[in-house]
Amino acid sequence: MYLPVHFEITDTALMQGLIRAHPLGAWASAPGGELVLNHVPFMIDATRGPHGTLVGHVARANPLWQRLAASIVAFQGPQAYVSPSSYPSKQAHGKVVPTWNYAVVHAHGTPRAIEDKAELLQIVGRLTRTHESGLDKPWAVSDAPADYIDTMLGAIVGIEIPIDRLVGKWKVSQNRSAADRQGVADVLAERGDDEAVAMAGLVVQHGPR
């Protein structure tokens, strides 16, 4: 990933937080030299390893788990188009162009497959509790018949990816002047959609270094 120093993020907790908030990862690997991309929701276990461990599962019918190789999993956080009209400097000299702001994390590691049903049940239970916790009527694995869950577990394979390296890029207008950054934040906040509002917050939080 192209990573100018002013966009680089090295705070592990911050990067892990983005993964928790945006758990659908774009998982890229090249088993046998063929580039393969899958989209898999992952949970991050920050207690395992210096950068954490990604935990998820794939369909047993997906051949990926039988050809595991060194991988990158990309997690996309808030993103928004930035118009030159957002910059006060447009009125001063007009030397501005459009851009796109975004926050992403790339997790590097080599995955392992998990077929043991007891381990799979633990993975499914943790994923379920994580994603159901904010709902008014959270569903639990135990709500379904045990024989049905057993059948479903046979149709999946667990995946763990101990993270060797985390790379974070917050492209959030750090290369603009303070006035331009404030202009971007104001315009995005006024836009009002969730992505724009979230990006406005990142622009305010992350100034130039």
N, C-alpha and C. Protein backbone atom coordinates (compact mmCIF):
# COMPACT_ATOMS: atom_id res chain seq x y z
N MET A 1 0.85 -1.18 0.00
CA MET A 1 0.00 0.00 0.00
C MET A 1 0.89 1.25 0.00
N TYR A 2 0.60 2.17 -0.87
CA TYR A 2 1.31 3.45 -0.89
C TYR A 2 0.98 4.19 0.40
N LEU A 3 2.02 4.60 1.15
CA LEU A 3 1.79 5.12 2.49
C LEU A 3 2.71 6.30 2.80
N PRO A 4 2.35 7.51 2.36
CA PRO A 4 3.10 8.70 2.77
C PRO A 4 3.11 8.81 4.30
N VAL A 5 4.20 9.28 4.84
CA VAL A 5 4.37 9.27 6.29
C VAL A 5 3.28 10.06 7.00
N HIS A 6 2.76 11.14 6.37
CA HIS A 6 1.76 11.95 7.06
C HIS A 6 0.40 11.27 7.14
N PHE A 7 0.22 10.13 6.43
CA PHE A 7 -1.03 9.38 6.51
C PHE A 7 -0.88 8.10 7.33
N GLU A 8 0.35 7.81 7.77
CA GLU A 8 0.61 6.53 8.43
C GLU A 8 0.11 6.53 9.87
N ILE A 9 -0.52 5.41 10.27
CA ILE A 9 -0.98 5.20 11.64
C ILE A 9 -0.21 4.01 12.20
N THR A 10 0.35 4.17 13.41
CA THR A 10 1.12 3.10 14.03
C THR A 10 0.52 2.65 15.37
N ASP A 11 -0.57 3.27 15.79
CA ASP A 11 -1.21 2.95 17.06
C ASP A 11 -1.98 1.64 16.92
N THR A 12 -1.48 0.58 17.54
CA THR A 12 -2.10 -0.75 17.40
C THR A 12 -3.54 -0.75 17.89
N ALA A 13 -3.80 -0.13 19.04
CA ALA A 13 -5.16 -0.12 19.58
C ALA A 13 -6.13 0.61 18.64
N LEU A 14 -5.66 1.67 18.02
CA LEU A 14 -6.50 2.42 17.08
C LEU A 14 -6.84 1.56 15.87
N MET A 15 -5.85 0.85 15.35
CA MET A 15 -6.09 -0.02 14.20
C MET A 15 -7.01 -1.18 14.55
N GLN A 16 -6.81 -1.76 15.72
CA GLN A 16 -7.69 -2.84 16.17
C GLN A 16 -9.13 -2.32 16.35
N GLY A 17 -9.26 -1.09 16.79
CA GLY A 17 -10.59 -0.50 16.94
C GLY A 17 -11.32 -0.37 15.62
N LEU A 18 -10.58 0.00 14.56
CA LEU A 18 -11.21 0.07 13.24
C LEU A 18 -11.70 -1.30 12.80
N ILE A 19 -10.90 -2.34 13.06
CA ILE A 19 -11.32 -3.69 12.69
C ILE A 19 -12.59 -4.08 13.43
N ARG A 20 -12.67 -3.75 14.71
CA ARG A 20 -13.89 -4.08 15.47
C ARG A 20 -15.11 -3.34 14.91
N ALA A 21 -14.91 -2.10 14.54
CA ALA A 21 -16.03 -1.30 14.05
C ALA A 21 -16.44 -1.67 12.63
N HIS A 22 -15.49 -2.22 11.85
CA HIS A 22 -15.74 -2.55 10.44
C HIS A 22 -15.19 -3.95 10.17
N PRO A 23 -15.86 -4.99 10.69
CA PRO A 23 -15.27 -6.33 10.73
C PRO A 23 -15.25 -7.10 9.41
N LEU A 24 -15.92 -6.61 8.37
CA LEU A 24 -15.90 -7.33 7.09
C LEU A 24 -14.57 -7.08 6.39
N GLY A 25 -13.74 -8.12 6.33
CA GLY A 25 -12.42 -7.98 5.74
C GLY A 25 -12.37 -8.47 4.31
N ALA A 26 -11.58 -7.80 3.49
CA ALA A 26 -11.28 -8.27 2.13
C ALA A 26 -9.97 -9.06 2.24
N TRP A 27 -10.08 -10.39 2.17
CA TRP A 27 -8.97 -11.29 2.46
C TRP A 27 -8.31 -11.69 1.15
N ALA A 28 -7.07 -11.25 0.97
CA ALA A 28 -6.32 -11.51 -0.26
C ALA A 28 -5.16 -12.45 0.01
N SER A 29 -5.02 -13.46 -0.84
CA SER A 29 -3.88 -14.36 -0.77
C SER A 29 -3.58 -14.87 -2.18
N ALA A 30 -2.47 -15.56 -2.31
CA ALA A 30 -2.09 -16.06 -3.64
C ALA A 30 -1.61 -17.49 -3.54
N PRO A 31 -2.48 -18.44 -3.17
CA PRO A 31 -2.05 -19.83 -3.09
C PRO A 31 -1.69 -20.36 -4.48
N GLY A 32 -0.52 -20.95 -4.60
CA GLY A 32 -0.10 -21.46 -5.90
C GLY A 32 0.15 -20.38 -6.92
N GLY A 33 0.30 -19.14 -6.48
CA GLY A 33 0.56 -18.04 -7.40
C GLY A 33 -0.67 -17.40 -7.99
N GLU A 34 -1.86 -17.92 -7.68
CA GLU A 34 -3.10 -17.34 -8.19
C GLU A 34 -3.70 -16.40 -7.15
N LEU A 35 -3.90 -15.13 -7.50
CA LEU A 35 -4.46 -14.17 -6.55
C LEU A 35 -5.93 -14.46 -6.30
N VAL A 36 -6.28 -14.58 -5.02
CA VAL A 36 -7.65 -14.90 -4.61
C VAL A 36 -8.11 -13.85 -3.61
N LEU A 37 -9.36 -13.39 -3.76
CA LEU A 37 -9.92 -12.40 -2.84
C LEU A 37 -11.27 -12.89 -2.33
N ASN A 38 -11.41 -12.93 -1.01
CA ASN A 38 -12.67 -13.31 -0.38
C ASN A 38 -13.07 -12.24 0.63
N HIS A 39 -14.35 -12.15 0.90
CA HIS A 39 -14.86 -11.19 1.88
C HIS A 39 -15.41 -11.96 3.08
N VAL A 40 -14.78 -11.76 4.22
CA VAL A 40 -15.08 -12.56 5.41
C VAL A 40 -15.17 -11.65 6.62
N PRO A 41 -16.23 -11.77 7.43
CA PRO A 41 -16.28 -11.01 8.69
C PRO A 41 -15.35 -11.66 9.72
N PHE A 42 -14.50 -10.85 10.32
CA PHE A 42 -13.55 -11.34 11.31
C PHE A 42 -13.78 -10.64 12.64
N MET A 43 -13.45 -11.35 13.70
CA MET A 43 -13.36 -10.77 15.03
C MET A 43 -11.87 -10.69 15.35
N ILE A 44 -11.46 -9.66 16.06
CA ILE A 44 -10.05 -9.57 16.45
C ILE A 44 -9.92 -9.86 17.94
N ASP A 45 -9.05 -10.80 18.25
CA ASP A 45 -8.73 -11.13 19.64
C ASP A 45 -7.41 -10.42 19.97
N ALA A 46 -7.52 -9.31 20.66
CA ALA A 46 -6.34 -8.48 20.95
C ALA A 46 -5.43 -9.10 22.00
N THR A 47 -5.89 -10.15 22.68
CA THR A 47 -5.10 -10.75 23.75
C THR A 47 -4.11 -11.79 23.23
N ARG A 48 -4.20 -12.12 21.96
CA ARG A 48 -3.36 -13.19 21.40
C ARG A 48 -2.39 -12.63 20.37
N GLY A 49 -1.12 -12.54 20.78
CA GLY A 49 -0.10 -12.03 19.88
C GLY A 49 0.08 -10.53 20.04
N PRO A 50 1.23 -10.00 19.61
CA PRO A 50 1.53 -8.58 19.77
C PRO A 50 0.59 -7.66 19.00
N HIS A 51 0.00 -8.17 17.92
CA HIS A 51 -0.92 -7.35 17.11
C HIS A 51 -2.34 -7.90 17.13
N GLY A 52 -2.54 -9.03 17.83
CA GLY A 52 -3.85 -9.65 17.87
C GLY A 52 -3.97 -10.80 16.87
N THR A 53 -5.11 -11.48 16.92
CA THR A 53 -5.39 -12.61 16.03
C THR A 53 -6.78 -12.43 15.45
N LEU A 54 -6.90 -12.57 14.13
CA LEU A 54 -8.20 -12.53 13.48
C LEU A 54 -8.85 -13.90 13.57
N VAL A 55 -10.16 -13.90 13.85
CA VAL A 55 -10.90 -15.14 14.02
C VAL A 55 -12.18 -15.07 13.20
N GLY A 56 -12.45 -16.10 12.42
CA GLY A 56 -13.67 -16.14 11.62
C GLY A 56 -13.90 -17.54 11.09
N HIS A 57 -14.71 -17.65 10.06
CA HIS A 57 -14.93 -18.95 9.43
C HIS A 57 -15.35 -18.75 7.98
N VAL A 58 -15.17 -19.81 7.20
CA VAL A 58 -15.60 -19.81 5.80
C VAL A 58 -16.41 -21.07 5.55
N ALA A 59 -17.12 -21.08 4.44
CA ALA A 59 -17.86 -22.28 4.05
C ALA A 59 -16.88 -23.41 3.74
N ARG A 60 -17.23 -24.61 4.17
CA ARG A 60 -16.38 -25.76 3.85
C ARG A 60 -16.26 -25.93 2.34
N ALA A 61 -17.28 -25.51 1.60
CA ALA A 61 -17.25 -25.64 0.14
C ALA A 61 -16.28 -24.66 -0.51
N ASN A 62 -15.83 -23.66 0.25
CA ASN A 62 -14.88 -22.68 -0.28
C ASN A 62 -13.48 -23.31 -0.29
N PRO A 63 -12.87 -23.48 -1.46
CA PRO A 63 -11.56 -24.16 -1.52
C PRO A 63 -10.43 -23.37 -0.85
N LEU A 64 -10.68 -22.14 -0.48
CA LEU A 64 -9.63 -21.31 0.10
C LEU A 64 -8.97 -21.97 1.30
N TRP A 65 -9.77 -22.57 2.17
CA TRP A 65 -9.23 -23.09 3.43
C TRP A 65 -8.29 -24.28 3.21
N GLN A 66 -8.37 -24.91 2.04
CA GLN A 66 -7.49 -26.03 1.74
C GLN A 66 -6.18 -25.57 1.09
N ARG A 67 -6.08 -24.28 0.79
CA ARG A 67 -4.88 -23.75 0.12
C ARG A 67 -4.43 -22.47 0.83
N LEU A 68 -4.28 -22.55 2.12
CA LEU A 68 -3.94 -21.36 2.89
C LEU A 68 -2.52 -20.90 2.61
N ALA A 69 -2.36 -19.59 2.50
CA ALA A 69 -1.06 -18.99 2.20
C ALA A 69 -0.97 -17.64 2.90
N ALA A 70 0.23 -17.09 2.94
CA ALA A 70 0.43 -15.76 3.51
C ALA A 70 -0.62 -14.80 2.94
N SER A 71 -1.20 -14.01 3.82
CA SER A 71 -2.39 -13.25 3.44
C SER A 71 -2.32 -11.80 3.91
N ILE A 72 -3.13 -10.98 3.26
CA ILE A 72 -3.43 -9.63 3.74
C ILE A 72 -4.95 -9.53 3.83
N VAL A 73 -5.43 -9.05 4.97
CA VAL A 73 -6.86 -8.78 5.13
C VAL A 73 -7.03 -7.28 5.29
N ALA A 74 -7.78 -6.67 4.38
CA ALA A 74 -7.98 -5.22 4.39
C ALA A 74 -9.32 -4.88 5.01
N PHE A 75 -9.32 -3.93 5.93
CA PHE A 75 -10.54 -3.47 6.59
C PHE A 75 -10.74 -2.00 6.25
N GLN A 76 -11.91 -1.69 5.73
CA GLN A 76 -12.22 -0.33 5.27
C GLN A 76 -13.06 0.40 6.31
N GLY A 77 -12.54 1.51 6.79
CA GLY A 77 -13.28 2.33 7.74
C GLY A 77 -14.04 3.44 7.03
N PRO A 78 -14.28 4.56 7.71
CA PRO A 78 -15.00 5.68 7.09
C PRO A 78 -14.29 6.18 5.84
N GLN A 79 -15.09 6.62 4.86
CA GLN A 79 -14.54 7.16 3.62
C GLN A 79 -15.51 8.20 3.07
N ALA A 80 -14.96 9.17 2.35
CA ALA A 80 -15.81 10.23 1.81
C ALA A 80 -15.09 10.99 0.71
N TYR A 81 -15.84 11.41 -0.28
CA TYR A 81 -15.32 12.30 -1.33
C TYR A 81 -15.13 13.70 -0.75
N VAL A 82 -14.04 14.35 -1.15
CA VAL A 82 -13.76 15.71 -0.70
C VAL A 82 -13.70 16.62 -1.91
N SER A 83 -14.62 17.55 -1.98
CA SER A 83 -14.67 18.51 -3.09
C SER A 83 -13.71 19.66 -2.84
N PRO A 84 -13.08 20.19 -3.90
CA PRO A 84 -12.24 21.38 -3.74
C PRO A 84 -13.01 22.56 -3.14
N SER A 85 -14.32 22.57 -3.32
CA SER A 85 -15.14 23.65 -2.77
C SER A 85 -15.14 23.66 -1.25
N SER A 86 -14.67 22.55 -0.63
CA SER A 86 -14.59 22.51 0.83
C SER A 86 -13.46 23.37 1.38
N TYR A 87 -12.48 23.71 0.52
CA TYR A 87 -11.28 24.40 0.99
C TYR A 87 -11.43 25.92 0.89
N PRO A 88 -11.23 26.64 1.97
CA PRO A 88 -11.15 28.10 1.87
C PRO A 88 -10.05 28.56 0.91
N SER A 89 -8.99 27.76 0.77
CA SER A 89 -7.90 28.16 -0.12
C SER A 89 -8.33 28.20 -1.59
N LYS A 90 -9.45 27.58 -1.92
CA LYS A 90 -9.97 27.67 -3.29
C LYS A 90 -10.23 29.12 -3.66
N GLN A 91 -10.76 29.89 -2.69
CA GLN A 91 -11.05 31.30 -2.95
C GLN A 91 -9.78 32.14 -3.01
N ALA A 92 -8.73 31.67 -2.33
CA ALA A 92 -7.49 32.46 -2.27
C ALA A 92 -6.65 32.32 -3.53
N HIS A 93 -6.52 31.08 -4.03
CA HIS A 93 -5.63 30.89 -5.19
C HIS A 93 -6.14 29.87 -6.20
N GLY A 94 -7.16 29.12 -5.88
CA GLY A 94 -7.75 28.18 -6.83
C GLY A 94 -6.93 26.95 -7.11
N LYS A 95 -5.79 26.79 -6.45
CA LYS A 95 -4.91 25.65 -6.74
C LYS A 95 -5.30 24.46 -5.87
N VAL A 96 -6.46 23.91 -6.16
CA VAL A 96 -6.99 22.78 -5.39
C VAL A 96 -7.62 21.78 -6.36
N VAL A 97 -7.65 20.52 -5.96
CA VAL A 97 -8.25 19.46 -6.77
C VAL A 97 -9.06 18.54 -5.86
N PRO A 98 -9.96 17.75 -6.43
CA PRO A 98 -10.73 16.80 -5.61
C PRO A 98 -9.84 15.71 -5.04
N THR A 99 -10.31 15.07 -3.99
CA THR A 99 -9.61 13.91 -3.43
C THR A 99 -10.63 13.01 -2.73
N TRP A 100 -10.12 11.93 -2.18
CA TRP A 100 -10.97 11.00 -1.44
C TRP A 100 -10.29 10.70 -0.12
N ASN A 101 -11.01 10.90 0.97
CA ASN A 101 -10.49 10.58 2.30
C ASN A 101 -10.95 9.19 2.71
N TYR A 102 -10.10 8.49 3.46
CA TYR A 102 -10.47 7.15 3.92
C TYR A 102 -9.55 6.71 5.05
N ALA A 103 -10.02 5.69 5.78
CA ALA A 103 -9.22 5.06 6.82
C ALA A 103 -9.26 3.56 6.57
N VAL A 104 -8.07 2.95 6.50
CA VAL A 104 -7.99 1.51 6.23
C VAL A 104 -6.92 0.88 7.11
N VAL A 105 -7.10 -0.42 7.35
CA VAL A 105 -6.10 -1.21 8.06
C VAL A 105 -5.85 -2.47 7.25
N HIS A 106 -4.57 -2.80 7.06
CA HIS A 106 -4.17 -4.06 6.43
C HIS A 106 -3.53 -4.94 7.48
N ALA A 107 -4.09 -6.13 7.67
CA ALA A 107 -3.55 -7.11 8.62
C ALA A 107 -2.83 -8.20 7.83
N HIS A 108 -1.54 -8.38 8.12
CA HIS A 108 -0.73 -9.39 7.43
C HIS A 108 -0.55 -10.59 8.34
N GLY A 109 -0.66 -11.79 7.78
CA GLY A 109 -0.43 -13.00 8.57
C GLY A 109 -0.67 -14.25 7.76
N THR A 110 -0.33 -15.38 8.36
CA THR A 110 -0.53 -16.68 7.71
C THR A 110 -1.63 -17.44 8.47
N PRO A 111 -2.73 -17.77 7.80
CA PRO A 111 -3.87 -18.38 8.48
C PRO A 111 -3.70 -19.86 8.77
N ARG A 112 -4.51 -20.33 9.69
CA ARG A 112 -4.64 -21.76 9.91
C ARG A 112 -6.13 -22.12 9.92
N ALA A 113 -6.43 -23.35 9.50
CA ALA A 113 -7.80 -23.83 9.45
C ALA A 113 -8.14 -24.60 10.72
N ILE A 114 -9.39 -24.51 11.14
CA ILE A 114 -9.87 -25.20 12.34
C ILE A 114 -11.09 -26.04 11.97
N GLU A 115 -10.97 -27.35 12.12
CA GLU A 115 -12.07 -28.25 11.78
C GLU A 115 -12.73 -28.88 13.01
N ASP A 116 -12.06 -28.83 14.14
CA ASP A 116 -12.61 -29.42 15.35
C ASP A 116 -13.92 -28.74 15.73
N LYS A 117 -14.97 -29.52 15.91
CA LYS A 117 -16.30 -28.94 16.13
C LYS A 117 -16.40 -28.18 17.46
N ALA A 118 -15.68 -28.63 18.46
CA ALA A 118 -15.71 -27.92 19.75
C ALA A 118 -15.11 -26.52 19.59
N GLU A 119 -13.98 -26.43 18.87
CA GLU A 119 -13.38 -25.12 18.62
C GLU A 119 -14.28 -24.27 17.73
N LEU A 120 -14.88 -24.90 16.73
CA LEU A 120 -15.79 -24.18 15.85
C LEU A 120 -16.97 -23.60 16.62
N LEU A 121 -17.51 -24.38 17.53
CA LEU A 121 -18.64 -23.91 18.33
C LEU A 121 -18.24 -22.70 19.17
N GLN A 122 -17.04 -22.71 19.70
CA GLN A 122 -16.55 -21.55 20.47
C GLN A 122 -16.44 -20.32 19.57
N ILE A 123 -15.91 -20.52 18.36
CA ILE A 123 -15.76 -19.40 17.42
C ILE A 123 -17.12 -18.82 17.06
N VAL A 124 -18.05 -19.69 16.69
CA VAL A 124 -19.39 -19.23 16.31
C VAL A 124 -20.08 -18.54 17.49
N GLY A 125 -19.90 -19.09 18.68
CA GLY A 125 -20.51 -18.47 19.86
C GLY A 125 -19.96 -17.08 20.13
N ARG A 126 -18.64 -16.91 20.00
CA ARG A 126 -18.03 -15.60 20.24
C ARG A 126 -18.46 -14.59 19.17
N LEU A 127 -18.46 -15.03 17.91
CA LEU A 127 -18.90 -14.14 16.84
C LEU A 127 -20.35 -13.71 17.05
N THR A 128 -21.18 -14.67 17.43
CA THR A 128 -22.60 -14.37 17.64
C THR A 128 -22.79 -13.38 18.78
N ARG A 129 -22.13 -13.62 19.89
CA ARG A 129 -22.27 -12.71 21.03
C ARG A 129 -21.78 -11.31 20.68
N THR A 130 -20.71 -11.23 19.91
CA THR A 130 -20.16 -9.93 19.53
C THR A 130 -21.16 -9.13 18.70
N HIS A 131 -21.75 -9.78 17.69
CA HIS A 131 -22.59 -9.05 16.74
C HIS A 131 -24.05 -8.95 17.16
N GLU A 132 -24.47 -9.77 18.10
CA GLU A 132 -25.85 -9.71 18.60
C GLU A 132 -25.98 -8.82 19.83
N SER A 133 -24.85 -8.44 20.43
CA SER A 133 -24.88 -7.77 21.74
C SER A 133 -25.65 -6.46 21.73
N GLY A 134 -25.68 -5.76 20.60
CA GLY A 134 -26.36 -4.46 20.56
C GLY A 134 -27.82 -4.53 20.16
N LEU A 135 -28.34 -5.71 19.93
CA LEU A 135 -29.72 -5.86 19.47
C LEU A 135 -30.70 -5.95 20.63
N ASP A 136 -31.93 -5.52 20.39
CA ASP A 136 -32.95 -5.58 21.44
C ASP A 136 -33.26 -7.01 21.85
N LYS A 137 -33.29 -7.91 20.88
CA LYS A 137 -33.57 -9.32 21.15
C LYS A 137 -32.44 -10.17 20.58
N PRO A 138 -31.31 -10.21 21.27
CA PRO A 138 -30.15 -10.92 20.72
C PRO A 138 -30.40 -12.43 20.60
N TRP A 139 -29.95 -12.96 19.47
CA TRP A 139 -30.05 -14.40 19.23
C TRP A 139 -28.82 -15.08 19.80
N ALA A 140 -28.98 -16.27 20.32
CA ALA A 140 -27.88 -17.07 20.84
C ALA A 140 -27.83 -18.39 20.10
N VAL A 141 -26.66 -18.96 19.99
CA VAL A 141 -26.52 -20.25 19.31
C VAL A 141 -27.43 -21.29 19.95
N SER A 142 -27.58 -21.22 21.26
CA SER A 142 -28.42 -22.18 21.97
C SER A 142 -29.91 -22.04 21.65
N ASP A 143 -30.30 -20.97 20.95
CA ASP A 143 -31.70 -20.81 20.56
C ASP A 143 -32.11 -21.82 19.47
N ALA A 144 -31.14 -22.32 18.73
CA ALA A 144 -31.42 -23.27 17.66
C ALA A 144 -31.25 -24.70 18.18
N PRO A 145 -31.95 -25.68 17.57
CA PRO A 145 -31.79 -27.07 18.00
C PRO A 145 -30.34 -27.53 17.89
N ALA A 146 -29.90 -28.31 18.86
CA ALA A 146 -28.50 -28.74 18.92
C ALA A 146 -28.10 -29.53 17.69
N ASP A 147 -28.99 -30.40 17.18
CA ASP A 147 -28.63 -31.20 16.01
C ASP A 147 -28.50 -30.33 14.77
N TYR A 148 -29.29 -29.26 14.70
CA TYR A 148 -29.19 -28.34 13.57
C TYR A 148 -27.86 -27.59 13.60
N ILE A 149 -27.47 -27.11 14.79
CA ILE A 149 -26.19 -26.42 14.94
C ILE A 149 -25.05 -27.36 14.58
N ASP A 150 -25.16 -28.61 15.00
CA ASP A 150 -24.12 -29.58 14.68
C ASP A 150 -23.97 -29.75 13.17
N THR A 151 -25.10 -29.77 12.47
CA THR A 151 -25.06 -29.88 11.01
C THR A 151 -24.42 -28.64 10.39
N MET A 152 -24.81 -27.47 10.89
CA MET A 152 -24.25 -26.22 10.37
C MET A 152 -22.74 -26.12 10.61
N LEU A 153 -22.29 -26.61 11.77
CA LEU A 153 -20.86 -26.60 12.06
C LEU A 153 -20.09 -27.48 11.07
N GLY A 154 -20.73 -28.53 10.62
CA GLY A 154 -20.09 -29.39 9.63
C GLY A 154 -19.93 -28.75 8.28
N ALA A 155 -20.64 -27.63 8.06
CA ALA A 155 -20.60 -26.95 6.76
C ALA A 155 -19.62 -25.78 6.72
N ILE A 156 -18.89 -25.58 7.84
CA ILE A 156 -17.95 -24.46 7.88
C ILE A 156 -16.59 -24.94 8.38
N VAL A 157 -15.59 -24.08 8.15
CA VAL A 157 -14.23 -24.32 8.67
C VAL A 157 -13.78 -23.03 9.35
N GLY A 158 -13.28 -23.15 10.56
CA GLY A 158 -12.80 -21.98 11.28
C GLY A 158 -11.47 -21.48 10.70
N ILE A 159 -11.26 -20.19 10.85
CA ILE A 159 -10.03 -19.57 10.37
C ILE A 159 -9.46 -18.69 11.48
N GLU A 160 -8.18 -18.86 11.75
CA GLU A 160 -7.46 -17.93 12.62
C GLU A 160 -6.25 -17.39 11.87
N ILE A 161 -6.04 -16.09 11.98
CA ILE A 161 -4.87 -15.47 11.36
C ILE A 161 -4.11 -14.68 12.42
N PRO A 162 -3.06 -15.27 13.00
CA PRO A 162 -2.21 -14.49 13.90
C PRO A 162 -1.58 -13.33 13.09
N ILE A 163 -1.75 -12.12 13.57
CA ILE A 163 -1.31 -10.96 12.80
C ILE A 163 0.17 -10.71 13.02
N ASP A 164 0.93 -10.80 11.92
CA ASP A 164 2.36 -10.52 11.97
C ASP A 164 2.64 -9.02 11.90
N ARG A 165 1.76 -8.32 11.18
CA ARG A 165 1.99 -6.88 10.97
C ARG A 165 0.67 -6.19 10.69
N LEU A 166 0.48 -5.04 11.31
CA LEU A 166 -0.69 -4.18 11.05
C LEU A 166 -0.19 -2.90 10.38
N VAL A 167 -0.85 -2.52 9.29
CA VAL A 167 -0.51 -1.28 8.59
C VAL A 167 -1.76 -0.42 8.53
N GLY A 168 -1.67 0.79 9.04
CA GLY A 168 -2.82 1.68 9.06
C GLY A 168 -2.60 2.92 8.23
N LYS A 169 -3.61 3.30 7.47
CA LYS A 169 -3.54 4.53 6.69
C LYS A 169 -4.81 5.33 6.93
N TRP A 170 -4.65 6.50 7.54
CA TRP A 170 -5.75 7.44 7.75
C TRP A 170 -5.48 8.61 6.81
N LYS A 171 -6.09 8.61 5.64
CA LYS A 171 -5.93 9.73 4.71
C LYS A 171 -7.07 10.70 4.99
N VAL A 172 -6.84 11.61 5.91
CA VAL A 172 -7.92 12.45 6.43
C VAL A 172 -7.50 13.93 6.42
N SER A 173 -6.96 14.36 5.30
CA SER A 173 -6.65 15.78 5.06
C SER A 173 -5.50 16.32 5.89
N GLN A 174 -4.60 15.43 6.38
CA GLN A 174 -3.47 15.92 7.18
C GLN A 174 -2.52 16.79 6.35
N ASN A 175 -2.58 16.66 5.03
CA ASN A 175 -1.67 17.44 4.17
C ASN A 175 -2.24 18.81 3.80
N ARG A 176 -3.36 19.19 4.38
CA ARG A 176 -3.97 20.49 4.11
C ARG A 176 -3.71 21.44 5.28
N SER A 177 -3.92 22.72 5.04
CA SER A 177 -3.79 23.72 6.10
C SER A 177 -4.89 23.53 7.14
N ALA A 178 -4.70 24.17 8.29
CA ALA A 178 -5.72 24.07 9.35
C ALA A 178 -7.06 24.59 8.87
N ALA A 179 -7.05 25.68 8.11
CA ALA A 179 -8.31 26.25 7.60
C ALA A 179 -8.99 25.29 6.62
N ASP A 180 -8.20 24.67 5.75
CA ASP A 180 -8.78 23.72 4.80
C ASP A 180 -9.33 22.49 5.51
N ARG A 181 -8.61 22.02 6.52
CA ARG A 181 -9.09 20.85 7.27
C ARG A 181 -10.42 21.17 7.95
N GLN A 182 -10.51 22.36 8.53
CA GLN A 182 -11.76 22.73 9.18
C GLN A 182 -12.89 22.84 8.15
N GLY A 183 -12.56 23.37 6.97
CA GLY A 183 -13.56 23.45 5.91
C GLY A 183 -14.06 22.08 5.50
N VAL A 184 -13.16 21.13 5.36
CA VAL A 184 -13.56 19.76 5.02
C VAL A 184 -14.45 19.17 6.10
N ALA A 185 -14.04 19.33 7.36
CA ALA A 185 -14.83 18.79 8.47
C ALA A 185 -16.23 19.39 8.50
N ASP A 186 -16.33 20.69 8.29
CA ASP A 186 -17.63 21.36 8.33
C ASP A 186 -18.54 20.87 7.21
N VAL A 187 -17.99 20.77 5.99
CA VAL A 187 -18.81 20.34 4.85
C VAL A 187 -19.27 18.90 5.03
N LEU A 188 -18.36 18.03 5.48
CA LEU A 188 -18.74 16.63 5.68
C LEU A 188 -19.78 16.49 6.79
N ALA A 189 -19.62 17.23 7.87
CA ALA A 189 -20.60 17.18 8.95
C ALA A 189 -21.97 17.64 8.47
N GLU A 190 -21.99 18.67 7.64
CA GLU A 190 -23.26 19.18 7.11
C GLU A 190 -23.90 18.19 6.14
N ARG A 191 -23.07 17.38 5.47
CA ARG A 191 -23.61 16.38 4.55
C ARG A 191 -24.53 15.42 5.29
N GLY A 192 -24.14 15.03 6.49
CA GLY A 192 -25.06 14.36 7.40
C GLY A 192 -25.13 12.85 7.35
N ASP A 193 -24.67 12.20 6.28
CA ASP A 193 -24.74 10.74 6.28
C ASP A 193 -23.67 10.18 7.21
N ASP A 194 -23.83 8.92 7.61
CA ASP A 194 -22.96 8.33 8.63
C ASP A 194 -21.50 8.36 8.23
N GLU A 195 -21.20 8.00 6.97
CA GLU A 195 -19.81 7.97 6.52
C GLU A 195 -19.19 9.36 6.58
N ALA A 196 -19.93 10.37 6.09
CA ALA A 196 -19.40 11.73 6.06
C ALA A 196 -19.17 12.27 7.47
N VAL A 197 -20.12 12.01 8.37
CA VAL A 197 -19.98 12.48 9.75
C VAL A 197 -18.79 11.82 10.43
N ALA A 198 -18.64 10.50 10.21
CA ALA A 198 -17.51 9.80 10.80
C ALA A 198 -16.19 10.35 10.27
N MET A 199 -16.13 10.63 8.97
CA MET A 199 -14.91 11.18 8.39
C MET A 199 -14.64 12.58 8.92
N ALA A 200 -15.68 13.38 9.10
CA ALA A 200 -15.49 14.71 9.67
C ALA A 200 -14.81 14.62 11.03
N GLY A 201 -15.22 13.64 11.83
CA GLY A 201 -14.59 13.45 13.13
C GLY A 201 -13.12 13.09 13.02
N LEU A 202 -12.78 12.23 12.04
CA LEU A 202 -11.37 11.85 11.86
C LEU A 202 -10.53 13.03 11.39
N VAL A 203 -11.09 13.88 10.54
CA VAL A 203 -10.35 15.07 10.07
C VAL A 203 -10.02 15.98 11.25
N VAL A 204 -10.97 16.13 12.15
CA VAL A 204 -10.75 16.99 13.32
C VAL A 204 -9.72 16.36 14.26
N GLN A 205 -9.79 15.05 14.43
CA GLN A 205 -8.93 14.37 15.40
C GLN A 205 -7.48 14.26 14.96
N HIS A 206 -7.26 14.15 13.65
CA HIS A 206 -5.91 13.83 13.16
C HIS A 206 -5.36 14.98 12.33
N GLY A 207 -4.62 15.84 12.96
CA GLY A 207 -3.99 16.95 12.26
C GLY A 207 -2.65 16.53 11.67
N PRO A 208 -1.93 17.45 11.06
CA PRO A 208 -0.63 17.12 10.46
C PRO A 208 0.40 16.78 11.50
N ARG A 209 1.38 15.96 11.10
CA ARG A 209 2.48 15.60 12.00
C ARG A 209 3.78 16.11 11.46
